[in-house]
């Protein structure tokens, strides 16, 4: 797996003073996306809708609305 680009604004562009340990979104070489966020699996796992599930190797990661909205411009429609 290889990260090919950041999707959206960098932590510094979003106002992070140090630009470290901040949520982020990256596009991978295979077209998938990697997300750095706060692990909220334990908090949200029981709240998943009935038609949603999480594999044992998967985590529920939370990012802010601002991060996703800033990334929207960089995510292709198809």
PDB file of N, CA and C in Angstrom:
ATOM      1  N   UNK A   1       0.851  -1.188   0.000  1.00  0.00           N
ATOM      2  CA  UNK A   1       0.000   0.000   0.000  1.00  0.00           C
ATOM      3  C   UNK A   1       0.887   1.238   0.000  1.00  0.00           C
ATOM      4  N   UNK A   2       0.444   2.217  -0.740  1.00  0.00           N
ATOM      5  CA  UNK A   2       1.209   3.455  -0.825  1.00  0.00           C
ATOM      6  C   UNK A   2       0.262   4.651  -0.819  1.00  0.00           C
ATOM      7  N   UNK A   3       0.588   5.643  -0.018  1.00  0.00           N
ATOM      8  CA  UNK A   3      -0.168   6.901  -0.010  1.00  0.00           C
ATOM      9  C   UNK A   3       0.289   7.718  -1.211  1.00  0.00           C
ATOM     10  N   UNK A   4      -0.675   8.170  -2.016  1.00  0.00           N
ATOM     11  CA  UNK A   4      -0.322   8.969  -3.181  1.00  0.00           C
ATOM     12  C   UNK A   4      -0.611  10.458  -3.002  1.00  0.00           C
ATOM     13  N   UNK A   5      -1.573  10.787  -2.115  1.00  0.00           N
ATOM     14  CA  UNK A   5      -1.851  12.215  -1.892  1.00  0.00           C
ATOM     15  C   UNK A   5      -2.744  12.401  -0.678  1.00  0.00           C
ATOM     16  N   UNK A   6      -2.667  13.594  -0.117  1.00  0.00           N
ATOM     17  CA  UNK A   6      -3.602  14.012   0.937  1.00  0.00           C
ATOM     18  C   UNK A   6      -4.882  14.448   0.248  1.00  0.00           C
ATOM     19  N   UNK A   7      -5.995  14.173   0.873  1.00  0.00           N
ATOM     20  CA  UNK A   7      -7.292  14.600   0.367  1.00  0.00           C
ATOM     21  C   UNK A   7      -7.784  15.692   1.301  1.00  0.00           C
ATOM     22  N   UNK A   8      -7.941  16.892   0.768  1.00  0.00           N
ATOM     23  CA  UNK A   8      -8.381  18.012   1.595  1.00  0.00           C
ATOM     24  C   UNK A   8      -7.210  18.819   2.138  1.00  0.00           C
ATOM     25  N   UNK A   9      -7.527  19.668   3.084  1.00  0.00           N
ATOM     26  CA  UNK A   9      -6.550  20.588   3.656  1.00  0.00           C
ATOM     27  C   UNK A   9      -5.644  19.875   4.668  1.00  0.00           C
ATOM     28  N   UNK A  10      -4.414  20.334   4.749  1.00  0.00           N
ATOM     29  CA  UNK A  10      -3.477  19.780   5.729  1.00  0.00           C
ATOM     30  C   UNK A  10      -3.871  20.253   7.127  1.00  0.00           C
ATOM     31  N   UNK A  11      -3.366  19.596   8.165  1.00  0.00           N
ATOM     32  CA  UNK A  11      -3.655  20.055   9.524  1.00  0.00           C
ATOM     33  C   UNK A  11      -3.274  21.524   9.745  1.00  0.00           C
ATOM     34  N   UNK A  12      -2.151  21.948   9.193  1.00  0.00           N
ATOM     35  CA  UNK A  12      -1.725  23.350   9.348  1.00  0.00           C
ATOM     36  C   UNK A  12      -2.729  24.285   8.680  1.00  0.00           C
ATOM     37  N   UNK A  13      -3.202  23.916   7.482  1.00  0.00           N
ATOM     38  CA  UNK A  13      -4.202  24.737   6.782  1.00  0.00           C
ATOM     39  C   UNK A  13      -5.520  24.810   7.549  1.00  0.00           C
ATOM     40  N   UNK A  14      -5.785  23.783   8.358  1.00  0.00           N
ATOM     41  CA  UNK A  14      -7.012  23.760   9.164  1.00  0.00           C
ATOM     42  C   UNK A  14      -6.829  24.440  10.512  1.00  0.00           C
ATOM     43  N   UNK A  15      -5.632  24.982  10.761  1.00  0.00           N
ATOM     44  CA  UNK A  15      -5.420  25.745  11.983  1.00  0.00           C
ATOM     45  C   UNK A  15      -4.659  25.047  13.077  1.00  0.00           C
ATOM     46  N   UNK A  16      -4.132  23.847  12.811  1.00  0.00           N
ATOM     47  CA  UNK A  16      -3.335  23.160  13.821  1.00  0.00           C
ATOM     48  C   UNK A  16      -2.001  23.879  13.982  1.00  0.00           C
ATOM     49  N   UNK A  17      -1.683  24.248  15.197  1.00  0.00           N
ATOM     50  CA  UNK A  17      -0.454  25.001  15.450  1.00  0.00           C
ATOM     51  C   UNK A  17       0.773  24.163  15.126  1.00  0.00           C
ATOM     52  N   UNK A  18       0.817  22.938  15.630  1.00  0.00           N
ATOM     53  CA  UNK A  18       1.980  22.085  15.409  1.00  0.00           C
ATOM     54  C   UNK A  18       1.860  21.191  14.195  1.00  0.00           C
ATOM     55  N   UNK A  19       0.635  21.008  13.697  1.00  0.00           N
ATOM     56  CA  UNK A  19       0.412  20.155  12.545  1.00  0.00           C
ATOM     57  C   UNK A  19       0.670  18.685  12.828  1.00  0.00           C
ATOM     58  N   UNK A  20       0.656  18.307  14.095  1.00  0.00           N
ATOM     59  CA  UNK A  20       0.942  16.922  14.456  1.00  0.00           C
ATOM     60  C   UNK A  20      -0.266  16.296  15.135  1.00  0.00           C
ATOM     61  N   UNK A  21      -0.360  14.985  15.033  1.00  0.00           N
ATOM     62  CA  UNK A  21      -1.418  14.216  15.689  1.00  0.00           C
ATOM     63  C   UNK A  21      -2.808  14.763  15.372  1.00  0.00           C
ATOM     64  N   UNK A  22      -3.037  15.046  14.097  1.00  0.00           N
ATOM     65  CA  UNK A  22      -4.324  15.590  13.677  1.00  0.00           C
ATOM     66  C   UNK A  22      -5.001  14.645  12.699  1.00  0.00           C
ATOM     67  N   UNK A  23      -6.322  14.583  12.729  1.00  0.00           N
ATOM     68  CA  UNK A  23      -7.048  13.770  11.760  1.00  0.00           C
ATOM     69  C   UNK A  23      -6.678  14.158  10.328  1.00  0.00           C
ATOM     70  N   UNK A  24      -6.730  13.198   9.432  1.00  0.00           N
ATOM     71  CA  UNK A  24      -6.333  13.434   8.047  1.00  0.00           C
ATOM     72  C   UNK A  24      -6.956  12.371   7.167  1.00  0.00           C
ATOM     73  N   UNK A  25      -7.014  12.633   5.854  1.00  0.00           N
ATOM     74  CA  UNK A  25      -7.515  11.689   4.870  1.00  0.00           C
ATOM     75  C   UNK A  25      -6.497  11.601   3.743  1.00  0.00           C
ATOM     76  N   UNK A  26      -6.207  10.370   3.310  1.00  0.00           N
ATOM     77  CA  UNK A  26      -5.243  10.147   2.240  1.00  0.00           C
ATOM     78  C   UNK A  26      -5.820   9.200   1.203  1.00  0.00           C
ATOM     79  N   UNK A  27      -5.473   9.434  -0.073  1.00  0.00           N
ATOM     80  CA  UNK A  27      -5.828   8.494  -1.130  1.00  0.00           C
ATOM     81  C   UNK A  27      -4.661   7.544  -1.314  1.00  0.00           C
ATOM     82  N   UNK A  28      -4.981   6.268  -1.470  1.00  0.00           N
ATOM     83  CA  UNK A  28      -3.957   5.244  -1.668  1.00  0.00           C
ATOM     84  C   UNK A  28      -3.824   4.911  -3.152  1.00  0.00           C
ATOM     85  N   UNK A  29      -2.721   4.294  -3.513  1.00  0.00           N
ATOM     86  CA  UNK A  29      -2.427   3.983  -4.906  1.00  0.00           C
ATOM     87  C   UNK A  29      -3.509   3.126  -5.560  1.00  0.00           C
ATOM     88  N   UNK A  30      -4.199   2.296  -4.781  1.00  0.00           N
ATOM     89  CA  UNK A  30      -5.247   1.440  -5.351  1.00  0.00           C
ATOM     90  C   UNK A  30      -6.605   2.135  -5.430  1.00  0.00           C
ATOM     91  N   UNK A  31      -6.663   3.417  -5.064  1.00  0.00           N
ATOM     92  CA  UNK A  31      -7.912   4.176  -5.110  1.00  0.00           C
ATOM     93  C   UNK A  31      -8.687   4.175  -3.808  1.00  0.00           C
ATOM     94  N   UNK A  32      -8.252   3.396  -2.835  1.00  0.00           N
ATOM     95  CA  UNK A  32      -8.880   3.390  -1.514  1.00  0.00           C
ATOM     96  C   UNK A  32      -8.468   4.647  -0.746  1.00  0.00           C
ATOM     97  N   UNK A  33      -9.126   4.879   0.379  1.00  0.00           N
ATOM     98  CA  UNK A  33      -8.806   6.020   1.219  1.00  0.00           C
ATOM     99  C   UNK A  33      -8.415   5.537   2.613  1.00  0.00           C
ATOM    100  N   UNK A  34      -7.433   6.193   3.187  1.00  0.00           N
ATOM    101  CA  UNK A  34      -7.009   5.924   4.563  1.00  0.00           C
ATOM    102  C   UNK A  34      -7.369   7.140   5.399  1.00  0.00           C
ATOM    103  N   UNK A  35      -7.878   6.893   6.606  1.00  0.00           N
ATOM    104  CA  UNK A  35      -8.324   7.977   7.476  1.00  0.00           C
ATOM    105  C   UNK A  35      -7.606   7.885   8.813  1.00  0.00           C
ATOM    106  N   UNK A  36      -7.056   9.006   9.249  1.00  0.00           N
ATOM    107  CA  UNK A  36      -6.524   9.124  10.607  1.00  0.00           C
ATOM    108  C   UNK A  36      -7.588   9.872  11.392  1.00  0.00           C
ATOM    109  N   UNK A  37      -8.092   9.245  12.415  1.00  0.00           N
ATOM    110  CA  UNK A  37      -9.133   9.860  13.224  1.00  0.00           C
ATOM    111  C   UNK A  37      -9.106   9.300  14.629  1.00  0.00           C
ATOM    112  N   UNK A  38     -10.063   9.676  15.409  1.00  0.00           N
ATOM    113  CA  UNK A  38     -10.168   9.218  16.785  1.00  0.00           C
ATOM    114  C   UNK A  38     -10.941   7.909  16.814  1.00  0.00           C
ATOM    115  N   UNK A  39     -10.342   6.882  17.396  1.00  0.00           N
ATOM    116  CA  UNK A  39     -10.983   5.570  17.487  1.00  0.00           C
ATOM    117  C   UNK A  39     -12.147   5.644  18.480  1.00  0.00           C
ATOM    118  N   UNK A  40     -13.339   5.502  17.969  1.00  0.00           N
ATOM    119  CA  UNK A  40     -14.554   5.542  18.787  1.00  0.00           C
ATOM    120  C   UNK A  40     -15.335   4.233  18.679  1.00  0.00           C
ATOM    121  N   UNK A  41     -14.635   3.149  18.354  1.00  0.00           N
ATOM    122  CA  UNK A  41     -15.288   1.865  18.164  1.00  0.00           C
ATOM    123  C   UNK A  41     -16.091   1.448  19.387  1.00  0.00           C
ATOM    124  N   UNK A  42     -15.471   1.501  20.548  1.00  0.00           N
ATOM    125  CA  UNK A  42     -16.169   1.058  21.767  1.00  0.00           C
ATOM    126  C   UNK A  42     -17.418   1.877  22.038  1.00  0.00           C
ATOM    127  N   UNK A  43     -17.375   3.155  21.714  1.00  0.00           N
ATOM    128  CA  UNK A  43     -18.502   4.043  21.973  1.00  0.00           C
ATOM    129  C   UNK A  43     -19.642   3.854  20.964  1.00  0.00           C
ATOM    130  N   UNK A  44     -19.298   3.624  19.697  1.00  0.00           N
ATOM    131  CA  UNK A  44     -20.311   3.623  18.641  1.00  0.00           C
ATOM    132  C   UNK A  44     -20.717   2.240  18.142  1.00  0.00           C
ATOM    133  N   UNK A  45     -19.968   1.213  18.462  1.00  0.00           N
ATOM    134  CA  UNK A  45     -20.235  -0.122  17.925  1.00  0.00           C
ATOM    135  C   UNK A  45     -21.670  -0.575  18.182  1.00  0.00           C
ATOM    136  N   UNK A  46     -22.174  -0.354  19.367  1.00  0.00           N
ATOM    137  CA  UNK A  46     -23.534  -0.756  19.706  1.00  0.00           C
ATOM    138  C   UNK A  46     -24.608   0.108  19.075  1.00  0.00           C
ATOM    139  N   UNK A  47     -24.215   1.220  18.468  1.00  0.00           N
ATOM    140  CA  UNK A  47     -25.175   2.142  17.851  1.00  0.00           C
ATOM    141  C   UNK A  47     -25.284   1.983  16.342  1.00  0.00           C
ATOM    142  N   UNK A  48     -24.516   1.052  15.779  1.00  0.00           N
ATOM    143  CA  UNK A  48     -24.586   0.865  14.334  1.00  0.00           C
ATOM    144  C   UNK A  48     -25.994   0.455  13.930  1.00  0.00           C
ATOM    145  N   UNK A  49     -26.469   0.916  12.770  1.00  0.00           N
ATOM    146  CA  UNK A  49     -27.787   0.501  12.286  1.00  0.00           C
ATOM    147  C   UNK A  49     -27.830  -1.015  12.082  1.00  0.00           C
ATOM    148  N   UNK A  50     -29.014  -1.570  12.054  1.00  0.00           N
ATOM    149  CA  UNK A  50     -29.188  -3.017  11.933  1.00  0.00           C
ATOM    150  C   UNK A  50     -28.562  -3.573  10.650  1.00  0.00           C
ATOM    151  N   UNK A  51     -28.512  -2.762   9.599  1.00  0.00           N
ATOM    152  CA  UNK A  51     -27.958  -3.252   8.328  1.00  0.00           C
ATOM    153  C   UNK A  51     -26.470  -2.939   8.170  1.00  0.00           C
ATOM    154  N   UNK A  52     -25.800  -2.551   9.254  1.00  0.00           N
ATOM    155  CA  UNK A  52     -24.368  -2.268   9.230  1.00  0.00           C
ATOM    156  C   UNK A  52     -23.643  -3.216  10.175  1.00  0.00           C
ATOM    157  N   UNK A  53     -22.427  -3.541   9.833  1.00  0.00           N
ATOM    158  CA  UNK A  53     -21.631  -4.390  10.710  1.00  0.00           C
ATOM    159  C   UNK A  53     -20.161  -4.004  10.591  1.00  0.00           C
ATOM    160  N   UNK A  54     -19.374  -4.471  11.555  1.00  0.00           N
ATOM    161  CA  UNK A  54     -17.946  -4.163  11.584  1.00  0.00           C
ATOM    162  C   UNK A  54     -17.201  -5.462  11.808  1.00  0.00           C
ATOM    163  N   UNK A  55     -16.231  -5.730  10.949  1.00  0.00           N
ATOM    164  CA  UNK A  55     -15.404  -6.910  11.125  1.00  0.00           C
ATOM    165  C   UNK A  55     -14.449  -6.723  12.286  1.00  0.00           C
ATOM    166  N   UNK A  56     -13.940  -7.808  12.826  1.00  0.00           N
ATOM    167  CA  UNK A  56     -13.025  -7.740  13.958  1.00  0.00           C
ATOM    168  C   UNK A  56     -11.753  -6.970  13.671  1.00  0.00           C
ATOM    169  N   UNK A  57     -11.390  -6.862  12.404  1.00  0.00           N
ATOM    170  CA  UNK A  57     -10.192  -6.117  12.012  1.00  0.00           C
ATOM    171  C   UNK A  57     -10.496  -4.646  11.696  1.00  0.00           C
ATOM    172  N   UNK A  58     -11.743  -4.252  11.806  1.00  0.00           N
ATOM    173  CA  UNK A  58     -12.158  -2.886  11.472  1.00  0.00           C
ATOM    174  C   UNK A  58     -12.417  -2.060  12.724  1.00  0.00           C
ATOM    175  N   UNK A  59     -12.189  -0.764  12.613  1.00  0.00           N
ATOM    176  CA  UNK A  59     -12.417   0.176  13.703  1.00  0.00           C
ATOM    177  C   UNK A  59     -13.340   1.280  13.207  1.00  0.00           C
ATOM    178  N   UNK A  60     -14.103   1.880  14.082  1.00  0.00           N
ATOM    179  CA  UNK A  60     -14.932   3.044  13.763  1.00  0.00           C
ATOM    180  C   UNK A  60     -14.104   4.265  14.133  1.00  0.00           C
ATOM    181  N   UNK A  61     -13.781   5.052  13.119  1.00  0.00           N
ATOM    182  CA  UNK A  61     -12.922   6.217  13.307  1.00  0.00           C
ATOM    183  C   UNK A  61     -13.735   7.480  13.043  1.00  0.00           C
ATOM    184  N   UNK A  62     -13.590   8.469  13.892  1.00  0.00           N
ATOM    185  CA  UNK A  62     -14.338   9.716  13.776  1.00  0.00           C
ATOM    186  C   UNK A  62     -13.408  10.842  13.345  1.00  0.00           C
ATOM    187  N   UNK A  63     -13.876  11.614  12.350  1.00  0.00           N
ATOM    188  CA  UNK A  63     -13.205  12.853  11.952  1.00  0.00           C
ATOM    189  C   UNK A  63     -14.240  13.963  12.032  1.00  0.00           C
ATOM    190  N   UNK A  64     -13.796  15.194  12.060  1.00  0.00           N
ATOM    191  CA  UNK A  64     -14.736  16.310  12.167  1.00  0.00           C
ATOM    192  C   UNK A  64     -15.435  16.577  10.833  1.00  0.00           C
ATOM    193  N   UNK A  65     -16.561  17.220  10.917  1.00  0.00           N
ATOM    194  CA  UNK A  65     -17.295  17.636   9.721  1.00  0.00           C
ATOM    195  C   UNK A  65     -16.424  18.524   8.843  1.00  0.00           C
ATOM    196  N   UNK A  66     -15.683  19.439   9.465  1.00  0.00           N
ATOM    197  CA  UNK A  66     -14.820  20.362   8.730  1.00  0.00           C
ATOM    198  C   UNK A  66     -13.803  19.613   7.872  1.00  0.00           C
ATOM    199  N   UNK A  67     -13.202  18.574   8.427  1.00  0.00           N
ATOM    200  CA  UNK A  67     -12.204  17.813   7.671  1.00  0.00           C
ATOM    201  C   UNK A  67     -12.841  17.170   6.449  1.00  0.00           C
ATOM    202  N   UNK A  68     -13.993  16.548   6.605  1.00  0.00           N
ATOM    203  CA  UNK A  68     -14.642  15.894   5.477  1.00  0.00           C
ATOM    204  C   UNK A  68     -15.110  16.903   4.436  1.00  0.00           C
ATOM    205  N   UNK A  69     -15.669  18.017   4.862  1.00  0.00           N
ATOM    206  CA  UNK A  69     -16.121  19.034   3.905  1.00  0.00           C
ATOM    207  C   UNK A  69     -14.949  19.621   3.120  1.00  0.00           C
ATOM    208  N   UNK A  70     -13.826  19.828   3.773  1.00  0.00           N
ATOM    209  CA  UNK A  70     -12.646  20.341   3.066  1.00  0.00           C
ATOM    210  C   UNK A  70     -12.066  19.306   2.114  1.00  0.00           C
ATOM    211  N   UNK A  71     -12.274  18.043   2.399  1.00  0.00           N
ATOM    212  CA  UNK A  71     -11.773  16.972   1.531  1.00  0.00           C
ATOM    213  C   UNK A  71     -12.680  16.761   0.318  1.00  0.00           C
ATOM    214  N   UNK A  72     -13.932  17.138   0.429  1.00  0.00           N
ATOM    215  CA  UNK A  72     -14.921  16.881  -0.622  1.00  0.00           C
ATOM    216  C   UNK A  72     -14.452  17.366  -1.984  1.00  0.00           C
ATOM    217  N   UNK A  73     -13.816  18.498  -2.042  1.00  0.00           N
ATOM    218  CA  UNK A  73     -13.366  19.057  -3.333  1.00  0.00           C
ATOM    219  C   UNK A  73     -12.334  18.185  -4.023  1.00  0.00           C
ATOM    220  N   UNK A  74     -11.611  17.385  -3.255  1.00  0.00           N
ATOM    221  CA  UNK A  74     -10.559  16.535  -3.801  1.00  0.00           C
ATOM    222  C   UNK A  74     -11.003  15.107  -4.075  1.00  0.00           C
ATOM    223  N   UNK A  75     -12.241  14.760  -3.725  1.00  0.00           N
ATOM    224  CA  UNK A  75     -12.729  13.403  -3.933  1.00  0.00           C
ATOM    225  C   UNK A  75     -13.474  13.359  -5.262  1.00  0.00           C
ATOM    226  N   UNK A  76     -13.015  12.485  -6.177  1.00  0.00           N
ATOM    227  CA  UNK A  76     -13.670  12.431  -7.490  1.00  0.00           C
ATOM    228  C   UNK A  76     -15.105  11.932  -7.389  1.00  0.00           C
ATOM    229  N   UNK A  77     -15.937  12.352  -8.334  1.00  0.00           N
ATOM    230  CA  UNK A  77     -17.329  11.930  -8.365  1.00  0.00           C
ATOM    231  C   UNK A  77     -17.479  10.477  -8.798  1.00  0.00           C
ATOM    232  N   UNK A  78     -16.517   9.987  -9.520  1.00  0.00           N
ATOM    233  CA  UNK A  78     -16.584   8.584  -9.993  1.00  0.00           C
ATOM    234  C   UNK A  78     -15.230   7.926  -9.901  1.00  0.00           C
TER     235      UNK A  78
END
